[in-house]
Amino acid sequence: IARYTTLTAQDENALSLVVGSALPIDLLPQSLSDTITVLTD
């Protein structure tokens, strides 16, 4: 729990850097979704 808490915080920082601005909380994902794309191949 402690390790993944750190990793998620670092992931959020990395995402904010590539986006170029702070992200609203409601745009952050909660879990992996298999529907991010309609293409499977």
PDB file of all heavy atoms in Angstrom:
ATOM      1  N   ILE A   1       0.844  -1.208   0.000  1.00  0.00           N
ATOM      2  CA  ILE A   1       0.000   0.000   0.000  1.00  0.00           C
ATOM      3  C   ILE A   1       0.874   1.251   0.000  1.00  0.00           C
ATOM      4  O   ILE A   1       0.635   2.201  -0.763  1.00  0.00           O
ATOM      5  CB  ILE A   1      -0.947  -0.008   1.212  1.00  0.00           C
ATOM      6  CG1 ILE A   1      -2.036  -1.066   1.015  1.00  0.00           C
ATOM      7  CG2 ILE A   1      -1.586   1.363   1.418  1.00  0.00           C
ATOM      8  CD1 ILE A   1      -2.949  -1.235   2.211  1.00  0.00           C
ATOM      9  N   ALA A   2       1.902   1.265   0.839  1.00  0.00           N
ATOM     10  CA  ALA A   2       2.803   2.423   0.876  1.00  0.00           C
ATOM     11  C   ALA A   2       3.530   2.592  -0.451  1.00  0.00           C
ATOM     12  O   ALA A   2       3.693   3.716  -0.964  1.00  0.00           O
ATOM     13  CB  ALA A   2       3.804   2.257   2.019  1.00  0.00           C
ATOM     14  N   ARG A   3       3.969   1.465  -1.037  1.00  0.00           N
ATOM     15  CA  ARG A   3       4.711   1.546  -2.304  1.00  0.00           C
ATOM     16  C   ARG A   3       3.830   2.046  -3.436  1.00  0.00           C
ATOM     17  O   ARG A   3       4.238   2.940  -4.202  1.00  0.00           O
ATOM     18  CB  ARG A   3       5.271   0.166  -2.649  1.00  0.00           C
ATOM     19  CG  ARG A   3       6.084   0.119  -3.929  1.00  0.00           C
ATOM     20  CD  ARG A   3       6.967  -1.114  -3.949  1.00  0.00           C
ATOM     21  NE  ARG A   3       6.175  -2.325  -3.940  1.00  0.00           N
ATOM     22  CZ  ARG A   3       5.795  -2.979  -5.061  1.00  0.00           C
ATOM     23  NH1 ARG A   3       6.150  -2.505  -6.239  1.00  0.00           N
ATOM     24  NH2 ARG A   3       5.099  -4.085  -4.991  1.00  0.00           N
ATOM     25  N   TYR A   4       2.625   1.519  -3.564  1.00  0.00           N
ATOM     26  CA  TYR A   4       1.754   1.942  -4.653  1.00  0.00           C
ATOM     27  C   TYR A   4       1.174   3.337  -4.422  1.00  0.00           C
ATOM     28  O   TYR A   4       0.828   4.025  -5.388  1.00  0.00           O
ATOM     29  CB  TYR A   4       0.633   0.919  -4.864  1.00  0.00           C
ATOM     30  CG  TYR A   4       1.129  -0.353  -5.515  1.00  0.00           C
ATOM     31  CD1 TYR A   4       0.998  -1.588  -4.879  1.00  0.00           C
ATOM     32  CD2 TYR A   4       1.752  -0.320  -6.758  1.00  0.00           C
ATOM     33  CE1 TYR A   4       1.462  -2.749  -5.469  1.00  0.00           C
ATOM     34  CE2 TYR A   4       2.224  -1.475  -7.353  1.00  0.00           C
ATOM     35  CZ  TYR A   4       2.076  -2.689  -6.703  1.00  0.00           C
ATOM     36  OH  TYR A   4       2.550  -3.827  -7.295  1.00  0.00           O
ATOM     37  N   THR A   5       1.086   3.756  -3.177  1.00  0.00           N
ATOM     38  CA  THR A   5       0.684   5.139  -2.910  1.00  0.00           C
ATOM     39  C   THR A   5       1.726   6.108  -3.466  1.00  0.00           C
ATOM     40  O   THR A   5       1.391   7.134  -4.070  1.00  0.00           O
ATOM     41  CB  THR A   5       0.497   5.372  -1.405  1.00  0.00           C
ATOM     42  OG1 THR A   5      -0.545   4.501  -0.909  1.00  0.00           O
ATOM     43  CG2 THR A   5       0.111   6.818  -1.116  1.00  0.00           C
ATOM     44  N   THR A   6       3.006   5.757  -3.261  1.00  0.00           N
ATOM     45  CA  THR A   6       4.089   6.573  -3.822  1.00  0.00           C
ATOM     46  C   THR A   6       4.064   6.556  -5.343  1.00  0.00           C
ATOM     47  O   THR A   6       4.194   7.602  -6.003  1.00  0.00           O
ATOM     48  CB  THR A   6       5.448   6.058  -3.323  1.00  0.00           C
ATOM     49  OG1 THR A   6       5.500   6.142  -1.905  1.00  0.00           O
ATOM     50  CG2 THR A   6       6.589   6.875  -3.918  1.00  0.00           C
ATOM     51  N   LEU A   7       3.891   5.369  -5.921  1.00  0.00           N
ATOM     52  CA  LEU A   7       3.894   5.249  -7.382  1.00  0.00           C
ATOM     53  C   LEU A   7       2.761   6.031  -8.029  1.00  0.00           C
ATOM     54  O   LEU A   7       2.957   6.684  -9.060  1.00  0.00           O
ATOM     55  CB  LEU A   7       3.813   3.774  -7.787  1.00  0.00           C
ATOM     56  CG  LEU A   7       5.077   2.932  -7.551  1.00  0.00           C
ATOM     57  CD1 LEU A   7       4.826   1.477  -7.904  1.00  0.00           C
ATOM     58  CD2 LEU A   7       6.239   3.479  -8.367  1.00  0.00           C
ATOM     59  N   THR A   8       1.574   5.984  -7.435  1.00  0.00           N
ATOM     60  CA  THR A   8       0.453   6.726  -8.018  1.00  0.00           C
ATOM     61  C   THR A   8       0.706   8.233  -7.967  1.00  0.00           C
ATOM     62  O   THR A   8       0.354   8.963  -8.906  1.00  0.00           O
ATOM     63  CB  THR A   8      -0.865   6.386  -7.304  1.00  0.00           C
ATOM     64  OG1 THR A   8      -0.716   6.592  -5.890  1.00  0.00           O
ATOM     65  CG2 THR A   8      -1.268   4.944  -7.549  1.00  0.00           C
ATOM     66  N   ALA A   9       1.311   8.700  -6.871  1.00  0.00           N
ATOM     67  CA  ALA A   9       1.637  10.130  -6.784  1.00  0.00           C
ATOM     68  C   ALA A   9       2.654  10.513  -7.859  1.00  0.00           C
ATOM     69  O   ALA A   9       2.534  11.566  -8.515  1.00  0.00           O
ATOM     70  CB  ALA A   9       2.171  10.469  -5.399  1.00  0.00           C
ATOM     71  N   GLN A  10       3.657   9.666  -8.054  1.00  0.00           N
ATOM     72  CA  GLN A  10       4.654   9.940  -9.093  1.00  0.00           C
ATOM     73  C   GLN A  10       4.029   9.858 -10.490  1.00  0.00           C
ATOM     74  O   GLN A  10       4.385  10.645 -11.381  1.00  0.00           O
ATOM     75  CB  GLN A  10       5.807   8.950  -8.964  1.00  0.00           C
ATOM     76  CG  GLN A  10       6.639   9.156  -7.703  1.00  0.00           C
ATOM     77  CD  GLN A  10       7.698   8.076  -7.514  1.00  0.00           C
ATOM     78  OE1 GLN A  10       7.604   6.980  -8.092  1.00  0.00           O
ATOM     79  NE2 GLN A  10       8.708   8.357  -6.708  1.00  0.00           N
ATOM     80  N   ASP A  11       3.104   8.935 -10.687  1.00  0.00           N
ATOM     81  CA  ASP A  11       2.414   8.834 -11.977  1.00  0.00           C
ATOM     82  C   ASP A  11       1.604  10.096 -12.265  1.00  0.00           C
ATOM     83  O   ASP A  11       1.564  10.577 -13.408  1.00  0.00           O
ATOM     84  CB  ASP A  11       1.490   7.617 -11.995  1.00  0.00           C
ATOM     85  CG  ASP A  11       2.252   6.305 -11.942  1.00  0.00           C
ATOM     86  OD1 ASP A  11       3.453   6.306 -12.272  1.00  0.00           O
ATOM     87  OD2 ASP A  11       1.652   5.284 -11.561  1.00  0.00           O
ATOM     88  N   GLU A  12       0.966  10.626 -11.252  1.00  0.00           N
ATOM     89  CA  GLU A  12       0.204  11.861 -11.434  1.00  0.00           C
ATOM     90  C   GLU A  12       1.128  13.015 -11.797  1.00  0.00           C
ATOM     91  O   GLU A  12       0.793  13.846 -12.655  1.00  0.00           O
ATOM     92  CB  GLU A  12      -0.573  12.192 -10.152  1.00  0.00           C
ATOM     93  CG  GLU A  12      -1.732  11.247  -9.864  1.00  0.00           C
ATOM     94  CD  GLU A  12      -2.450  11.601  -8.571  1.00  0.00           C
ATOM     95  OE1 GLU A  12      -2.349  12.778  -8.148  1.00  0.00           O
ATOM     96  OE2 GLU A  12      -3.101  10.741  -7.987  1.00  0.00           O
ATOM     97  N   ASN A  13       2.293  13.066 -11.152  1.00  0.00           N
ATOM     98  CA  ASN A  13       3.263  14.120 -11.480  1.00  0.00           C
ATOM     99  C   ASN A  13       3.753  13.988 -12.923  1.00  0.00           C
ATOM    100  O   ASN A  13       3.903  14.986 -13.634  1.00  0.00           O
ATOM    101  CB  ASN A  13       4.446  14.063 -10.519  1.00  0.00           C
ATOM    102  CG  ASN A  13       4.058  14.397  -9.094  1.00  0.00           C
ATOM    103  OD1 ASN A  13       3.057  15.071  -8.851  1.00  0.00           O
ATOM    104  ND2 ASN A  13       4.831  13.915  -8.136  1.00  0.00           N
ATOM    105  N   ALA A  14       4.014  12.760 -13.347  1.00  0.00           N
ATOM    106  CA  ALA A  14       4.476  12.528 -14.720  1.00  0.00           C
ATOM    107  C   ALA A  14       3.405  12.924 -15.727  1.00  0.00           C
ATOM    108  O   ALA A  14       3.702  13.530 -16.770  1.00  0.00           O
ATOM    109  CB  ALA A  14       4.871  11.064 -14.903  1.00  0.00           C
ATOM    110  N   LEU A  15       2.158  12.599 -15.435  1.00  0.00           N
ATOM    111  CA  LEU A  15       1.067  12.949 -16.339  1.00  0.00           C
ATOM    112  C   LEU A  15       0.880  14.461 -16.403  1.00  0.00           C
ATOM    113  O   LEU A  15       0.652  15.025 -17.478  1.00  0.00           O
ATOM    114  CB  LEU A  15      -0.222  12.263 -15.882  1.00  0.00           C
ATOM    115  CG  LEU A  15      -1.443  12.419 -16.796  1.00  0.00           C
ATOM    116  CD1 LEU A  15      -1.139  11.905 -18.200  1.00  0.00           C
ATOM    117  CD2 LEU A  15      -2.645  11.668 -16.212  1.00  0.00           C
ATOM    118  N   SER A  16       0.995  15.135 -15.261  1.00  0.00           N
ATOM    119  CA  SER A  16       0.863  16.595 -15.249  1.00  0.00           C
ATOM    120  C   SER A  16       1.974  17.253 -16.054  1.00  0.00           C
ATOM    121  O   SER A  16       1.752  18.264 -16.740  1.00  0.00           O
ATOM    122  CB  SER A  16       0.889  17.115 -13.807  1.00  0.00           C
ATOM    123  OG  SER A  16      -0.226  16.645 -13.078  1.00  0.00           O
ATOM    124  N   LEU A  17       3.188  16.685 -16.007  1.00  0.00           N
ATOM    125  CA  LEU A  17       4.311  17.249 -16.757  1.00  0.00           C
ATOM    126  C   LEU A  17       4.072  17.141 -18.251  1.00  0.00           C
ATOM    127  O   LEU A  17       4.276  18.115 -18.992  1.00  0.00           O
ATOM    128  CB  LEU A  17       5.608  16.545 -16.381  1.00  0.00           C
ATOM    129  CG  LEU A  17       6.855  16.971 -17.176  1.00  0.00           C
ATOM    130  CD1 LEU A  17       7.145  18.455 -16.969  1.00  0.00           C
ATOM    131  CD2 LEU A  17       8.057  16.127 -16.791  1.00  0.00           C
ATOM    132  N   VAL A  18       3.647  15.988 -18.717  1.00  0.00           N
ATOM    133  CA  VAL A  18       3.464  15.812 -20.154  1.00  0.00           C
ATOM    134  C   VAL A  18       2.260  16.609 -20.646  1.00  0.00           C
ATOM    135  O   VAL A  18       2.252  17.097 -21.789  1.00  0.00           O
ATOM    136  CB  VAL A  18       3.326  14.316 -20.508  1.00  0.00           C
ATOM    137  CG1 VAL A  18       2.002  13.752 -20.065  1.00  0.00           C
ATOM    138  CG2 VAL A  18       3.507  14.088 -22.009  1.00  0.00           C
ATOM    139  N   VAL A  19       1.252  16.791 -19.779  1.00  0.00           N
ATOM    140  CA  VAL A  19       0.094  17.595 -20.159  1.00  0.00           C
ATOM    141  C   VAL A  19       0.449  19.077 -20.158  1.00  0.00           C
ATOM    142  O   VAL A  19      -0.044  19.856 -20.972  1.00  0.00           O
ATOM    143  CB  VAL A  19      -1.095  17.307 -19.216  1.00  0.00           C
ATOM    144  CG1 VAL A  19      -2.217  18.314 -19.412  1.00  0.00           C
ATOM    145  CG2 VAL A  19      -1.619  15.900 -19.461  1.00  0.00           C
ATOM    146  N   GLY A  20       1.311  19.469 -19.243  1.00  0.00           N
ATOM    147  CA  GLY A  20       1.725  20.863 -19.179  1.00  0.00           C
ATOM    148  C   GLY A  20       0.932  21.706 -18.214  1.00  0.00           C
ATOM    149  O   GLY A  20       1.111  22.918 -18.150  1.00  0.00           O
ATOM    150  N   SER A  21       0.046  21.077 -17.446  1.00  0.00           N
ATOM    151  CA  SER A  21      -0.746  21.806 -16.447  1.00  0.00           C
ATOM    152  C   SER A  21      -1.303  20.791 -15.460  1.00  0.00           C
ATOM    153  O   SER A  21      -1.313  19.583 -15.721  1.00  0.00           O
ATOM    154  CB  SER A  21      -1.888  22.589 -17.105  1.00  0.00           C
ATOM    155  OG  SER A  21      -2.810  21.701 -17.719  1.00  0.00           O
ATOM    156  N   ALA A  22      -1.761  21.310 -14.313  1.00  0.00           N
ATOM    157  CA  ALA A  22      -2.368  20.429 -13.313  1.00  0.00           C
ATOM    158  C   ALA A  22      -3.685  19.879 -13.852  1.00  0.00           C
ATOM    159  O   ALA A  22      -4.420  20.555 -14.579  1.00  0.00           O
ATOM    160  CB  ALA A  22      -2.601  21.197 -12.015  1.00  0.00           C
ATOM    161  N   LEU A  23      -3.971  18.639 -13.493  1.00  0.00           N
ATOM    162  CA  LEU A  23      -5.180  17.977 -13.992  1.00  0.00           C
ATOM    163  C   LEU A  23      -6.280  17.990 -12.949  1.00  0.00           C
ATOM    164  O   LEU A  23      -6.021  17.737 -11.770  1.00  0.00           O
ATOM    165  CB  LEU A  23      -4.866  16.526 -14.375  1.00  0.00           C
ATOM    166  CG  LEU A  23      -4.039  16.325 -15.652  1.00  0.00           C
ATOM    167  CD1 LEU A  23      -3.637  14.866 -15.777  1.00  0.00           C
ATOM    168  CD2 LEU A  23      -4.836  16.760 -16.868  1.00  0.00           C
ATOM    169  N   PRO A  24      -7.517  18.263 -13.353  1.00  0.00           N
ATOM    170  CA  PRO A  24      -8.643  18.132 -12.422  1.00  0.00           C
ATOM    171  C   PRO A  24      -8.770  16.695 -11.931  1.00  0.00           C
ATOM    172  O   PRO A  24      -8.502  15.741 -12.676  1.00  0.00           O
ATOM    173  CB  PRO A  24      -9.849  18.541 -13.276  1.00  0.00           C
ATOM    174  CG  PRO A  24      -9.284  19.342 -14.403  1.00  0.00           C
ATOM    175  CD  PRO A  24      -7.918  18.765 -14.670  1.00  0.00           C
ATOM    176  N   ILE A  25      -9.172  16.528 -10.700  1.00  0.00           N
ATOM    177  CA  ILE A  25      -9.265  15.189 -10.106  1.00  0.00           C
ATOM    178  C   ILE A  25     -10.240  14.305 -10.872  1.00  0.00           C
ATOM    179  O   ILE A  25     -10.030  13.093 -11.005  1.00  0.00           O
ATOM    180  CB  ILE A  25      -9.672  15.298  -8.616  1.00  0.00           C
ATOM    181  CG1 ILE A  25      -8.582  16.052  -7.834  1.00  0.00           C
ATOM    182  CG2 ILE A  25      -9.900  13.922  -8.008  1.00  0.00           C
ATOM    183  CD1 ILE A  25      -8.914  16.264  -6.372  1.00  0.00           C
ATOM    184  N   ASP A  26     -11.323  14.910 -11.385  1.00  0.00           N
ATOM    185  CA  ASP A  26     -12.332  14.104 -12.060  1.00  0.00           C
ATOM    186  C   ASP A  26     -11.857  13.531 -13.393  1.00  0.00           C
ATOM    187  O   ASP A  26     -12.526  12.676 -13.978  1.00  0.00           O
ATOM    188  CB  ASP A  26     -13.609  14.914 -12.266  1.00  0.00           C
ATOM    189  CG  ASP A  26     -13.358  16.156 -13.125  1.00  0.00           C
ATOM    190  OD1 ASP A  26     -12.225  16.662 -13.127  1.00  0.00           O
ATOM    191  OD2 ASP A  26     -14.310  16.600 -13.795  1.00  0.00           O
ATOM    192  N   LEU A  27     -10.685  13.979 -13.894  1.00  0.00           N
ATOM    193  CA  LEU A  27     -10.151  13.430 -15.142  1.00  0.00           C
ATOM    194  C   LEU A  27      -9.175  12.285 -14.902  1.00  0.00           C
ATOM    195  O   LEU A  27      -8.763  11.624 -15.860  1.00  0.00           O
ATOM    196  CB  LEU A  27      -9.451  14.531 -15.946  1.00  0.00           C
ATOM    197  CG  LEU A  27     -10.323  15.653 -16.500  1.00  0.00           C
ATOM    198  CD1 LEU A  27      -9.490  16.603 -17.349  1.00  0.00           C
ATOM    199  CD2 LEU A  27     -11.484  15.096 -17.320  1.00  0.00           C
ATOM    200  N   LEU A  28      -8.796  12.058 -13.654  1.00  0.00           N
ATOM    201  CA  LEU A  28      -7.839  10.994 -13.359  1.00  0.00           C
ATOM    202  C   LEU A  28      -8.540   9.637 -13.344  1.00  0.00           C
ATOM    203  O   LEU A  28      -9.645   9.502 -12.814  1.00  0.00           O
ATOM    204  CB  LEU A  28      -7.162  11.253 -12.017  1.00  0.00           C
ATOM    205  CG  LEU A  28      -6.349  12.549 -11.912  1.00  0.00           C
ATOM    206  CD1 LEU A  28      -5.758  12.695 -10.519  1.00  0.00           C
ATOM    207  CD2 LEU A  28      -5.249  12.583 -12.971  1.00  0.00           C
ATOM    208  N   PRO A  29      -7.918   8.602 -13.898  1.00  0.00           N
ATOM    209  CA  PRO A  29      -8.544   7.271 -13.933  1.00  0.00           C
ATOM    210  C   PRO A  29      -8.465   6.596 -12.578  1.00  0.00           C
ATOM    211  O   PRO A  29      -7.555   6.854 -11.782  1.00  0.00           O
ATOM    212  CB  PRO A  29      -7.703   6.531 -14.967  1.00  0.00           C
ATOM    213  CG  PRO A  29      -6.340   7.150 -14.838  1.00  0.00           C
ATOM    214  CD  PRO A  29      -6.581   8.605 -14.546  1.00  0.00           C
ATOM    215  N   GLN A  30      -9.422   5.720 -12.310  1.00  0.00           N
ATOM    216  CA  GLN A  30      -9.429   4.956 -11.068  1.00  0.00           C
ATOM    217  C   GLN A  30      -8.879   3.549 -11.268  1.00  0.00           C
ATOM    218  O   GLN A  30      -8.317   2.963 -10.348  1.00  0.00           O
ATOM    219  CB  GLN A  30     -10.859   4.883 -10.495  1.00  0.00           C
ATOM    220  CG  GLN A  30     -11.455   6.238 -10.165  1.00  0.00           C
ATOM    221  CD  GLN A  30     -10.615   7.003  -9.163  1.00  0.00           C
ATOM    222  OE1 GLN A  30     -10.106   6.456  -8.187  1.00  0.00           O
ATOM    223  NE2 GLN A  30     -10.439   8.308  -9.409  1.00  0.00           N
ATOM    224  N   SER A  31      -9.058   3.017 -12.469  1.00  0.00           N
ATOM    225  CA  SER A  31      -8.576   1.659 -12.761  1.00  0.00           C
ATOM    226  C   SER A  31      -8.426   1.520 -14.267  1.00  0.00           C
ATOM    227  O   SER A  31      -8.883   2.376 -15.034  1.00  0.00           O
ATOM    228  CB  SER A  31      -9.536   0.599 -12.210  1.00  0.00           C
ATOM    229  OG  SER A  31     -10.820   0.733 -12.808  1.00  0.00           O
ATOM    230  N   LEU A  32      -7.788   0.431 -14.678  1.00  0.00           N
ATOM    231  CA  LEU A  32      -7.624   0.185 -16.106  1.00  0.00           C
ATOM    232  C   LEU A  32      -8.978  -0.073 -16.753  1.00  0.00           C
ATOM    233  O   LEU A  32      -9.819  -0.787 -16.206  1.00  0.00           O
ATOM    234  CB  LEU A  32      -6.719  -1.027 -16.338  1.00  0.00           C
ATOM    235  CG  LEU A  32      -5.211  -0.805 -16.269  1.00  0.00           C
ATOM    236  CD1 LEU A  32      -4.486  -2.122 -16.475  1.00  0.00           C
ATOM    237  CD2 LEU A  32      -4.750   0.200 -17.308  1.00  0.00           C
ATOM    238  N   SER A  33      -9.156   0.520 -17.930  1.00  0.00           N
ATOM    239  CA  SER A  33     -10.387   0.306 -18.677  1.00  0.00           C
ATOM    240  C   SER A  33     -10.045  -0.309 -20.021  1.00  0.00           C
ATOM    241  O   SER A  33      -9.149   0.165 -20.728  1.00  0.00           O
ATOM    242  CB  SER A  33     -11.133   1.631 -18.878  1.00  0.00           C
ATOM    243  OG  SER A  33     -12.217   1.458 -19.759  1.00  0.00           O
ATOM    244  N   ASP A  34     -10.734  -1.348 -20.381  1.00  0.00           N
ATOM    245  CA  ASP A  34     -10.516  -1.996 -21.669  1.00  0.00           C
ATOM    246  C   ASP A  34     -11.227  -1.267 -22.801  1.00  0.00           C
ATOM    247  O   ASP A  34     -11.213  -1.723 -23.944  1.00  0.00           O
ATOM    248  CB  ASP A  34     -10.984  -3.447 -21.620  1.00  0.00           C
ATOM    249  CG  ASP A  34     -10.120  -4.303 -20.706  1.00  0.00           C
ATOM    250  OD1 ASP A  34      -8.924  -3.986 -20.575  1.00  0.00           O
ATOM    251  OD2 ASP A  34     -10.644  -5.264 -20.114  1.00  0.00           O
ATOM    252  N   THR A  35     -11.877  -0.156 -22.496  1.00  0.00           N
ATOM    253  CA  THR A  35     -12.650   0.568 -23.503  1.00  0.00           C
ATOM    254  C   THR A  35     -12.007   1.920 -23.847  1.00  0.00           C
ATOM    255  O   THR A  35     -12.698   2.825 -24.309  1.00  0.00           O
ATOM    256  CB  THR A  35     -14.090   0.801 -23.017  1.00  0.00           C
ATOM    257  OG1 THR A  35     -14.061   1.554 -21.795  1.00  0.00           O
ATOM    258  CG2 THR A  35     -14.806  -0.524 -22.791  1.00  0.00           C
ATOM    259  N   ILE A  36     -10.698   2.065 -23.600  1.00  0.00           N
ATOM    260  CA  ILE A  36     -10.081   3.343 -23.980  1.00  0.00           C
ATOM    261  C   ILE A  36     -10.045   3.481 -25.499  1.00  0.00           C
ATOM    262  O   ILE A  36      -9.972   4.582 -26.040  1.00  0.00           O
ATOM    263  CB  ILE A  36      -8.651   3.475 -23.422  1.00  0.00           C
ATOM    264  CG1 ILE A  36      -7.727   2.424 -24.037  1.00  0.00           C
ATOM    265  CG2 ILE A  36      -8.635   3.419 -21.930  1.00  0.00           C
ATOM    266  CD1 ILE A  36      -6.276   2.784 -23.912  1.00  0.00           C
ATOM    267  N   THR A  37     -10.077   2.365 -26.220  1.00  0.00           N
ATOM    268  CA  THR A  37     -10.114   2.389 -27.677  1.00  0.00           C
ATOM    269  C   THR A  37     -11.089   1.341 -28.172  1.00  0.00           C
ATOM    270  O   THR A  37     -11.289   0.300 -27.527  1.00  0.00           O
ATOM    271  CB  THR A  37      -8.720   2.128 -28.272  1.00  0.00           C
ATOM    272  OG1 THR A  37      -8.829   2.023 -29.702  1.00  0.00           O
ATOM    273  CG2 THR A  37      -8.122   0.852 -27.737  1.00  0.00           C
ATOM    274  N   VAL A  38     -11.707   1.635 -29.299  1.00  0.00           N
ATOM    275  CA  VAL A  38     -12.657   0.675 -29.872  1.00  0.00           C
ATOM    276  C   VAL A  38     -11.931  -0.404 -30.662  1.00  0.00           C
ATOM    277  O   VAL A  38     -12.524  -1.420 -31.014  1.00  0.00           O
ATOM    278  CB  VAL A  38     -13.666   1.389 -30.784  1.00  0.00           C
ATOM    279  CG1 VAL A  38     -14.556   2.320 -29.980  1.00  0.00           C
ATOM    280  CG2 VAL A  38     -12.952   2.184 -31.880  1.00  0.00           C
ATOM    281  N   LEU A  39     -10.643  -0.168 -30.966  1.00  0.00           N
ATOM    282  CA  LEU A  39      -9.881  -1.142 -31.740  1.00  0.00           C
ATOM    283  C   LEU A  39      -9.236  -2.163 -30.818  1.00  0.00           C
ATOM    284  O   LEU A  39      -8.653  -1.814 -29.800  1.00  0.00           O
ATOM    285  CB  LEU A  39      -8.791  -0.443 -32.555  1.00  0.00           C
ATOM    286  CG  LEU A  39      -9.263   0.557 -33.618  1.00  0.00           C
ATOM    287  CD1 LEU A  39      -8.072   1.168 -34.325  1.00  0.00           C
ATOM    288  CD2 LEU A  39     -10.179  -0.114 -34.622  1.00  0.00           C
ATOM    289  N   THR A  40      -9.370  -3.421 -31.171  1.00  0.00           N
ATOM    290  CA  THR A  40      -8.704  -4.485 -30.421  1.00  0.00           C
ATOM    291  C   THR A  40      -7.487  -5.007 -31.173  1.00  0.00           C
ATOM    292  O   THR A  40      -6.711  -5.775 -30.625  1.00  0.00           O
ATOM    293  CB  THR A  40      -9.679  -5.652 -30.167  1.00  0.00           C
ATOM    294  OG1 THR A  40     -10.174  -6.138 -31.434  1.00  0.00           O
ATOM    295  CG2 THR A  40     -10.852  -5.186 -29.310  1.00  0.00           C
ATOM    296  N   ASP A  41      -7.333  -4.584 -32.426  1.00  0.00           N
ATOM    297  CA  ASP A  41      -6.193  -5.026 -33.221  1.00  0.00           C
ATOM    298  C   ASP A  41      -5.889  -3.950 -34.252  1.00  0.00           C
ATOM    299  O   ASP A  41      -6.779  -3.232 -34.712  1.00  0.00           O
ATOM    300  CB  ASP A  41      -6.490  -6.358 -33.911  1.00  0.00           C
ATOM    301  CG  ASP A  41      -5.255  -6.976 -34.537  1.00  0.00           C
ATOM    302  OD1 ASP A  41      -4.140  -6.570 -34.143  1.00  0.00           O
ATOM    303  OD2 ASP A  41      -5.389  -7.840 -35.419  1.00  0.00           O
TER     304      ASP A  41
END
